Protein backbone atom coordinates (compact mmCIF):
# COMPACT_ATOMS: atom_id res chain seq x y z
CA UNK A 1 -22.95 100.73 -24.01
CA UNK A 2 -23.80 100.11 -20.30
CA UNK A 3 -22.10 96.91 -18.84
CA UNK A 4 -24.53 94.32 -17.58
CA UNK A 5 -22.07 92.37 -15.76
CA UNK A 6 -23.51 91.12 -12.35
CA UNK A 7 -26.80 92.99 -13.03
CA UNK A 8 -30.09 91.47 -13.15
CA UNK A 9 -31.80 91.08 -16.44
CA UNK A 10 -35.56 92.37 -17.09
CA UNK A 11 -37.49 89.51 -18.39
CA UNK A 12 -40.85 91.25 -18.61
CA UNK A 13 -43.75 91.43 -16.00
CA UNK A 14 -41.63 92.57 -13.27
CA UNK A 15 -39.57 89.41 -13.32
CA UNK A 16 -35.78 89.77 -13.02
CA UNK A 17 -33.43 86.92 -13.72
CA UNK A 18 -29.50 86.33 -14.03
CA UNK A 19 -27.67 85.42 -16.99
CA UNK A 20 -27.68 81.58 -17.19
CA UNK A 21 -29.55 81.64 -14.03
CA UNK A 22 -33.45 81.50 -14.65
CA UNK A 23 -35.31 80.43 -11.59
CA UNK A 24 -39.14 79.76 -10.96
CA UNK A 25 -38.66 81.18 -7.46
CA UNK A 26 -40.89 84.07 -8.64
CA UNK A 27 -44.16 85.55 -7.05
CA UNK A 28 -47.09 83.22 -8.07
CA UNK A 29 -49.23 86.27 -8.85
CA UNK A 30 -46.72 87.19 -11.67
CA UNK A 31 -46.00 83.69 -13.10
CA UNK A 32 -49.27 82.82 -14.76
CA UNK A 33 -49.73 86.07 -16.52
CA UNK A 34 -45.92 85.85 -17.83
CA UNK A 35 -46.18 82.38 -18.89
CA UNK A 36 -49.38 82.86 -20.61
CA UNK A 37 -47.94 85.74 -22.68
CA UNK A 38 -44.78 83.70 -23.38
CA UNK A 39 -46.20 80.18 -24.28
CA UNK A 40 -48.95 80.00 -27.01
CA UNK A 41 -52.25 78.61 -26.04
CA UNK A 42 -50.86 78.20 -22.32
CA UNK A 43 -54.38 78.38 -20.71
CA UNK A 44 -56.06 76.42 -23.65
CA UNK A 45 -53.35 73.48 -22.90
CA UNK A 46 -54.85 73.34 -19.32
CA UNK A 47 -58.38 73.10 -20.85
CA UNK A 48 -57.24 70.43 -23.22
CA UNK A 49 -55.61 68.19 -20.63
CA UNK A 50 -58.75 68.56 -18.54
CA UNK A 51 -60.79 67.31 -21.19
CA UNK A 52 -58.52 64.49 -22.19
CA UNK A 53 -58.53 63.43 -18.49
CA UNK A 54 -62.12 62.14 -18.91
CA UNK A 55 -60.67 59.09 -20.68
CA UNK A 56 -58.47 58.04 -17.70
CA UNK A 57 -60.25 59.04 -14.35
CA UNK A 58 -62.38 56.53 -12.51
CA UNK A 59 -63.72 56.70 -9.10
CA UNK A 60 -60.96 57.24 -6.61
CA UNK A 61 -58.38 57.90 -9.37
CA UNK A 62 -54.83 59.00 -8.53
CA UNK A 63 -53.38 62.03 -10.50
CA UNK A 64 -49.85 63.44 -10.42
CA UNK A 65 -49.01 66.87 -11.87
CA UNK A 66 -45.23 67.23 -11.94
CA UNK A 67 -43.98 70.66 -11.99
CA UNK A 68 -47.29 72.07 -10.61
CA UNK A 69 -46.06 75.73 -10.27
CA UNK A 70 -49.16 77.84 -9.41
CA UNK A 71 -51.60 74.91 -9.36
CA UNK A 72 -53.62 76.20 -12.43
CA UNK A 73 -53.48 72.78 -14.17
CA UNK A 74 -54.42 70.95 -11.00
CA UNK A 75 -57.42 73.45 -10.59
CA UNK A 76 -58.44 72.93 -14.27
CA UNK A 77 -58.67 69.20 -13.81
CA UNK A 78 -60.56 69.30 -10.58
CA UNK A 79 -63.03 71.87 -12.13
CA UNK A 80 -63.70 69.40 -15.00
CA UNK A 81 -64.54 66.65 -12.45
CA UNK A 82 -66.31 68.45 -9.69
CA UNK A 83 -68.05 65.48 -8.27
CA UNK A 84 -65.47 62.69 -8.75
CA UNK A 85 -63.87 61.05 -5.88
CA UNK A 86 -60.14 61.44 -6.68
CA UNK A 87 -56.77 62.72 -5.50
CA UNK A 88 -54.22 64.89 -7.41
CA UNK A 89 -51.02 65.71 -6.10
CA UNK A 90 -48.83 68.49 -7.38
CA UNK A 91 -45.17 68.15 -7.11
CA UNK A 92 -43.06 71.29 -7.14
CA UNK A 93 -39.46 71.97 -6.28
CA UNK A 94 -40.06 75.70 -5.26
CA UNK A 95 -41.40 76.13 -1.78
CA UNK A 96 -42.91 79.55 -2.52
CA UNK A 97 -44.90 77.98 -5.42
CA UNK A 98 -46.07 75.20 -3.38
CA UNK A 99 -47.42 77.57 -0.56
CA UNK A 100 -49.08 79.80 -3.32
CA UNK A 101 -50.83 76.80 -5.24
CA UNK A 102 -52.09 75.38 -1.88
CA UNK A 103 -53.58 78.85 -1.16
CA UNK A 104 -55.53 79.21 -4.29
CA UNK A 105 -56.67 75.62 -4.88
CA UNK A 106 -59.38 75.19 -2.31
CA UNK A 107 -60.38 71.68 -2.92
CA UNK A 108 -59.78 68.72 -0.57
CA UNK A 109 -58.90 66.28 -3.33
CA UNK A 110 -55.83 68.41 -4.17
CA UNK A 111 -52.43 68.50 -2.30
CA UNK A 112 -49.09 69.97 -3.15
CA UNK A 113 -45.75 68.59 -2.13
CA UNK A 114 -42.44 70.45 -2.13
CA UNK A 115 -40.12 67.67 -3.71
CA UNK A 116 -37.92 66.82 -6.58
CA UNK A 117 -39.87 64.45 -8.83
CA UNK A 118 -36.67 62.34 -9.21
CA UNK A 119 -36.61 61.46 -5.48
CA UNK A 120 -40.22 61.32 -4.92
CA UNK A 121 -41.92 57.98 -4.27
CA UNK A 122 -45.00 57.90 -6.38
CA UNK A 123 -47.82 55.60 -5.81
CA UNK A 124 -49.76 53.72 -8.52
CA UNK A 125 -51.54 56.37 -10.68
CA UNK A 126 -54.03 56.61 -13.48
CA UNK A 127 -52.89 59.90 -15.04
CA UNK A 128 -49.48 61.86 -14.96
CA UNK A 129 -49.13 65.41 -16.28
CA UNK A 130 -45.81 67.18 -17.21
CA UNK A 131 -46.84 70.66 -18.56
CA UNK A 132 -43.76 72.27 -19.81
CA UNK A 133 -41.69 70.51 -17.20
CA UNK A 134 -39.44 67.80 -18.75
CA UNK A 135 -37.54 70.35 -20.72
CA UNK A 136 -36.14 71.89 -17.38
CA UNK A 137 -34.97 68.51 -16.06
CA UNK A 138 -31.38 67.77 -16.98
CA UNK A 139 -31.30 65.54 -20.27
CA UNK A 140 -29.29 62.87 -18.46
CA UNK A 141 -31.99 61.99 -15.99
CA UNK A 142 -35.20 62.57 -17.97
CA UNK A 143 -35.41 58.99 -18.95
CA UNK A 144 -35.28 57.93 -15.40
CA UNK A 145 -38.40 60.16 -14.53
CA UNK A 146 -40.43 58.75 -17.59
CA UNK A 147 -39.46 55.03 -16.72
CA UNK A 148 -40.79 55.81 -13.18
CA UNK A 149 -43.98 57.27 -14.46
CA UNK A 150 -44.38 54.26 -16.71
CA UNK A 151 -43.92 51.98 -13.85
CA UNK A 152 -46.21 53.66 -11.63
CA UNK A 153 -49.05 54.00 -14.21
CA UNK A 154 -52.02 51.40 -14.12
CA UNK A 155 -52.43 49.56 -17.38
CA UNK A 156 -54.31 51.81 -19.68
CA UNK A 157 -53.20 54.88 -17.71
CA UNK A 158 -52.07 58.11 -19.48
CA UNK A 159 -49.10 60.51 -19.42
CA UNK A 160 -49.86 64.05 -20.94
CA UNK A 161 -46.63 65.84 -21.60
CA UNK A 162 -46.32 69.31 -23.30
CA UNK A 163 -42.75 70.63 -24.36
CA UNK A 164 -41.09 73.26 -26.16
CA UNK A 165 -39.51 71.38 -29.08
CA UNK A 166 -36.68 71.86 -31.46
CA UNK A 167 -37.06 71.55 -35.18
CA UNK A 168 -35.36 68.58 -37.01
CA UNK A 169 -32.84 70.81 -38.78
CA UNK A 170 -31.25 74.31 -38.71
CA UNK A 171 -33.42 75.82 -41.59
CA UNK A 172 -36.64 74.73 -39.76
CA UNK A 173 -35.41 75.88 -36.37
CA UNK A 174 -34.58 79.43 -37.86
CA UNK A 175 -38.16 79.64 -39.16
CA UNK A 176 -39.67 78.65 -35.86
CA UNK A 177 -37.56 80.89 -33.69
CA UNK A 178 -38.18 83.73 -35.81
CA UNK A 179 -42.16 83.20 -35.56
CA UNK A 180 -41.82 82.56 -31.85
CA UNK A 181 -40.02 85.96 -31.40
CA UNK A 182 -42.67 87.76 -33.37
CA UNK A 183 -45.42 86.25 -31.26
CA UNK A 184 -43.60 87.56 -28.17
CA UNK A 185 -43.28 90.86 -29.64
CA UNK A 186 -46.97 90.96 -30.54
CA UNK A 187 -47.66 90.21 -26.72
CA UNK A 188 -45.79 93.23 -25.81
CA UNK A 189 -42.51 91.88 -24.70
CA UNK A 190 -39.84 94.28 -25.87
CA UNK A 191 -36.91 92.94 -27.88
CA UNK A 192 -34.51 93.48 -25.01
CA UNK A 193 -36.93 91.48 -22.55
CA UNK A 194 -36.92 88.70 -25.33
CA UNK A 195 -33.13 88.58 -25.33
CA UNK A 196 -32.77 88.69 -21.69
CA UNK A 197 -35.09 85.82 -21.11
CA UNK A 198 -33.11 83.67 -23.66
CA UNK A 199 -29.89 84.66 -21.80
CA UNK A 200 -31.39 83.66 -18.37
CA UNK A 201 -32.59 80.25 -19.73
CA UNK A 202 -29.22 79.22 -20.98
CA UNK A 203 -28.27 75.81 -19.28
CA UNK A 204 -31.71 75.68 -17.72
CA UNK A 205 -34.10 75.18 -20.55
CA UNK A 206 -32.89 72.19 -23.09
CA UNK A 207 -35.74 71.24 -25.32
CA UNK A 208 -35.47 68.20 -27.50
CA UNK A 209 -36.97 67.69 -30.90
CA UNK A 210 -40.29 66.02 -31.49
CA UNK A 211 -38.30 62.83 -32.57
CA UNK A 212 -36.20 62.96 -29.53
CA UNK A 213 -39.22 63.23 -27.09
CA UNK A 214 -40.77 60.26 -28.82
CA UNK A 215 -37.55 58.25 -28.47
CA UNK A 216 -37.52 59.00 -24.71
CA UNK A 217 -41.05 57.93 -24.40
CA UNK A 218 -40.52 54.56 -26.18
CA UNK A 219 -37.41 53.87 -24.42
CA UNK A 220 -39.41 54.35 -20.96
CA UNK A 221 -41.80 51.74 -22.22
CA UNK A 222 -44.55 53.58 -23.91
CA UNK A 223 -45.90 52.37 -27.29
CA UNK A 224 -48.99 53.94 -27.86
CA UNK A 225 -48.08 57.62 -28.32
CA UNK A 226 -49.80 60.47 -30.43
CA UNK A 227 -49.39 64.26 -30.72
CA UNK A 228 -52.42 66.12 -29.27
CA UNK A 229 -51.37 69.72 -29.80
CA UNK A 230 -48.84 71.51 -32.07
CA UNK A 231 -47.96 75.17 -32.49
CA UNK A 232 -44.70 75.81 -34.18
CA UNK A 233 -42.00 75.01 -31.51
CA UNK A 234 -44.58 73.79 -28.83
CA UNK A 235 -46.04 70.29 -28.69
CA UNK A 236 -48.29 68.15 -26.47
CA UNK A 237 -48.11 64.39 -26.45
CA UNK A 238 -50.37 61.73 -25.06
CA UNK A 239 -48.76 58.42 -24.11
CA UNK A 240 -50.91 55.38 -22.85
CA UNK A 241 -49.43 52.41 -21.01
């Protein structure tokens, strides 16, 4: 068997990664297609968030999308409100993603900032979005970000947070993992690419269970929380201040 030591792993769609070294520093043109094939209802989640934003946006609303990557969610929210006076800021740690997003979202109401959300100084906002972002932030500081979001939300403002979630016990986790692998195989990833992606995400992707995420949200200050999306090991939450 060929040794893979010090070699990059084929994660599919022309994306290569290192063992325990996944990075979002990949071409934006490859990202959306790769994630759409990897995460069930990825684009539909953008549409759902855009629809739910109706309940939180007023004139001159302020919105933050944390972990904005290619700007697809920002674009969906803006398209939902073509005539509303508002500002939406995408916060993204990868410079190439910021550049790519700024080039494809041609709307003066949008801006993209290369920053770590843990260090960024947010203004008062009506809506925050975390679309499969918190799971990539170290568990020890997730509560810090959620507390900041809660503090900066106007009363009645919302947080829409989508996450990959772990099951409550080993049996259910086994079921979910197998179903998810079958989903990826059906989307034309090879078994080797699926394994390679899992290897690259070690130490980077750390999902919590549904209960774990709810505990974090409550500890941050949120009391009104509901699930708005669920597909096996993927879930969307709406929390209102």
